Protein backbone atom coordinates (compact mmCIF):
# COMPACT_ATOMS: atom_id res chain seq x y z
CA UNK A 1 8.00 -12.15 -0.97
CA UNK A 2 11.18 -12.73 1.00
CA UNK A 3 13.45 -15.64 1.76
CA UNK A 4 13.07 -16.68 5.39
CA UNK A 5 15.67 -19.43 5.16
CA UNK A 6 18.33 -19.65 7.79
CA UNK A 7 22.07 -19.80 7.34
CA UNK A 8 24.61 -19.99 10.11
CA UNK A 9 28.25 -20.30 11.01
CA UNK A 10 30.05 -21.39 14.14
CA UNK A 11 33.23 -20.23 15.77
CA UNK A 12 35.13 -23.27 17.02
CA UNK A 13 37.78 -21.95 19.36
CA UNK A 14 40.22 -22.66 22.14
CA UNK A 15 42.22 -20.28 24.27
CA UNK A 16 45.28 -20.35 26.49
CA UNK A 17 44.57 -17.86 29.28
CA UNK A 18 48.15 -18.06 30.57
CA UNK A 19 49.51 -16.94 27.18
CA UNK A 20 46.51 -14.67 26.44
CA UNK A 21 46.07 -16.18 23.01
CA UNK A 22 43.65 -18.37 21.12
CA UNK A 23 42.93 -20.27 17.93
CA UNK A 24 39.62 -20.45 16.11
CA UNK A 25 37.99 -21.55 12.89
CA UNK A 26 34.80 -20.05 11.56
CA UNK A 27 32.94 -22.79 9.77
CA UNK A 28 29.50 -23.31 8.24
CA UNK A 29 29.02 -26.85 9.49
CA UNK A 30 29.52 -28.40 12.90
CA UNK A 31 30.43 -32.07 12.76
CA UNK A 32 33.34 -34.45 13.29
CA UNK A 33 35.08 -33.34 10.08
CA UNK A 34 34.95 -29.70 11.24
CA UNK A 35 36.27 -30.69 14.66
CA UNK A 36 39.13 -32.60 13.04
CA UNK A 37 40.07 -29.49 11.05
CA UNK A 38 40.02 -27.43 14.22
CA UNK A 39 42.10 -29.90 16.24
CA UNK A 40 44.70 -30.01 13.46
CA UNK A 41 44.93 -26.19 13.54
CA UNK A 42 45.09 -26.16 17.32
CA UNK A 43 47.78 -28.82 17.38
CA UNK A 44 49.91 -26.68 15.06
CA UNK A 45 49.46 -23.65 17.35
CA UNK A 46 50.78 -25.43 20.45
CA UNK A 47 54.38 -24.42 21.12
CA UNK A 48 57.03 -26.97 20.13
CA UNK A 49 57.65 -29.34 23.02
CA UNK A 50 54.48 -28.26 24.84
CA UNK A 51 51.28 -30.23 25.34
CA UNK A 52 47.82 -28.68 25.16
CA UNK A 53 44.89 -29.65 27.37
CA UNK A 54 41.52 -29.00 25.73
CA UNK A 55 38.43 -28.78 27.97
CA UNK A 56 35.25 -29.82 26.15
CA UNK A 57 31.69 -30.78 26.69
CA UNK A 58 30.55 -34.12 25.31
CA UNK A 59 28.91 -32.95 22.10
CA UNK A 60 28.74 -35.72 19.53
CA UNK A 61 31.44 -34.21 17.34
CA UNK A 62 33.75 -33.97 20.40
CA UNK A 63 33.46 -37.68 21.23
CA UNK A 64 33.15 -39.33 17.83
CA UNK A 65 35.23 -42.44 17.21
CA UNK A 66 36.38 -40.74 13.99
CA UNK A 67 37.94 -37.81 15.86
CA UNK A 68 41.65 -37.36 15.12
CA UNK A 69 43.46 -35.85 18.11
CA UNK A 70 47.02 -34.63 17.49
CA UNK A 71 49.64 -36.20 19.75
CA UNK A 72 50.38 -32.85 21.40
CA UNK A 73 46.79 -32.43 22.62
CA UNK A 74 44.75 -34.18 25.31
CA UNK A 75 40.99 -33.84 25.57
CA UNK A 76 39.43 -33.46 29.03
CA UNK A 77 35.67 -33.84 29.09
CA UNK A 78 33.50 -31.88 31.48
CA UNK A 79 30.50 -33.38 33.27
CA UNK A 80 27.16 -33.10 31.45
CA UNK A 81 25.18 -29.88 31.87
CA UNK A 82 28.09 -27.91 33.34
CA UNK A 83 28.82 -24.94 31.05
CA UNK A 84 29.83 -22.95 34.13
CA UNK A 85 32.96 -25.13 34.34
CA UNK A 86 34.03 -24.33 30.78
CA UNK A 87 36.03 -21.08 30.71
CA UNK A 88 35.40 -20.45 27.04
CA UNK A 89 31.66 -20.08 27.66
CA UNK A 90 32.38 -16.66 29.20
CA UNK A 91 34.25 -15.74 26.03
CA UNK A 92 31.29 -16.72 23.83
CA UNK A 93 28.99 -14.58 25.98
CA UNK A 94 31.38 -11.64 25.68
CA UNK A 95 31.56 -11.99 21.89
CA UNK A 96 27.82 -12.31 21.58
CA UNK A 97 27.13 -9.31 23.83
CA UNK A 98 29.74 -7.07 22.22
CA UNK A 99 29.96 -8.10 18.57
CA UNK A 100 27.40 -10.68 17.50
CA UNK A 101 24.08 -9.62 19.00
CA UNK A 102 21.21 -8.25 16.90
CA UNK A 103 22.91 -8.81 13.56
CA UNK A 104 21.07 -9.36 10.31
CA UNK A 105 22.98 -10.76 7.37
CA UNK A 106 22.21 -11.14 3.70
CA UNK A 107 24.69 -13.92 2.96
CA UNK A 108 26.63 -16.68 4.65
CA UNK A 109 29.83 -14.85 3.67
CA UNK A 110 28.68 -11.87 5.75
CA UNK A 111 28.12 -14.16 8.73
CA UNK A 112 31.58 -15.72 8.36
CA UNK A 113 33.26 -12.32 7.90
CA UNK A 114 31.52 -10.89 10.97
CA UNK A 115 32.53 -13.90 13.08
CA UNK A 116 36.14 -13.59 11.90
CA UNK A 117 36.13 -9.86 12.65
CA UNK A 118 34.70 -10.53 16.13
CA UNK A 119 37.38 -13.13 16.91
CA UNK A 120 40.16 -10.85 15.67
CA UNK A 121 38.72 -7.95 17.68
CA UNK A 122 38.82 -10.15 20.78
CA UNK A 123 42.42 -11.25 20.16
CA UNK A 124 43.41 -7.61 19.72
CA UNK A 125 42.38 -6.77 23.29
CA UNK A 126 45.48 -7.43 25.37
CA UNK A 127 44.57 -9.30 28.55
CA UNK A 128 40.95 -9.98 27.54
CA UNK A 129 41.32 -13.76 27.05
CA UNK A 130 43.19 -14.02 30.34
CA UNK A 131 40.51 -11.98 32.09
CA UNK A 132 37.59 -13.94 30.66
CA UNK A 133 38.98 -17.47 30.76
CA UNK A 134 41.27 -17.76 33.79
CA UNK A 135 39.77 -19.95 36.48
CA UNK A 136 41.73 -20.64 39.69
CA UNK A 137 41.44 -24.44 39.28
CA UNK A 138 42.39 -24.45 35.60
CA UNK A 139 46.15 -24.55 36.07
CA UNK A 140 45.84 -27.81 38.00
CA UNK A 141 44.01 -29.65 35.17
CA UNK A 142 47.20 -30.39 33.27
CA UNK A 143 49.25 -31.40 36.31
């Protein structure tokens, strides 16, 4: 007999293509509390005196009334059913195709460790975030 239960983890991330850098949390739940943790981390990563623009879909945990958005971040919501407008979707595809496809794990810790390793691998590739996530219209969003 074997356990056929399912465990999972999510990478919640944001990137700055212009600076070729990103911030992510690997977390085993996806809800408003997790999003608040991520936004706090992201807010701390924004350069002093700068303001970050975060493109998002309208998932429930992105639009909750309990969401705490740091003062140095602004959320910009994309239209429904438009993942092609979200630059980070290309990054998720790249990670899945190159690091997270066809994996079998014994524990949740293995899932989390593999996700962390995949994110760090991605950050270690100079120019990769810029290449994957730069869209010509993106620079005008914050203006």
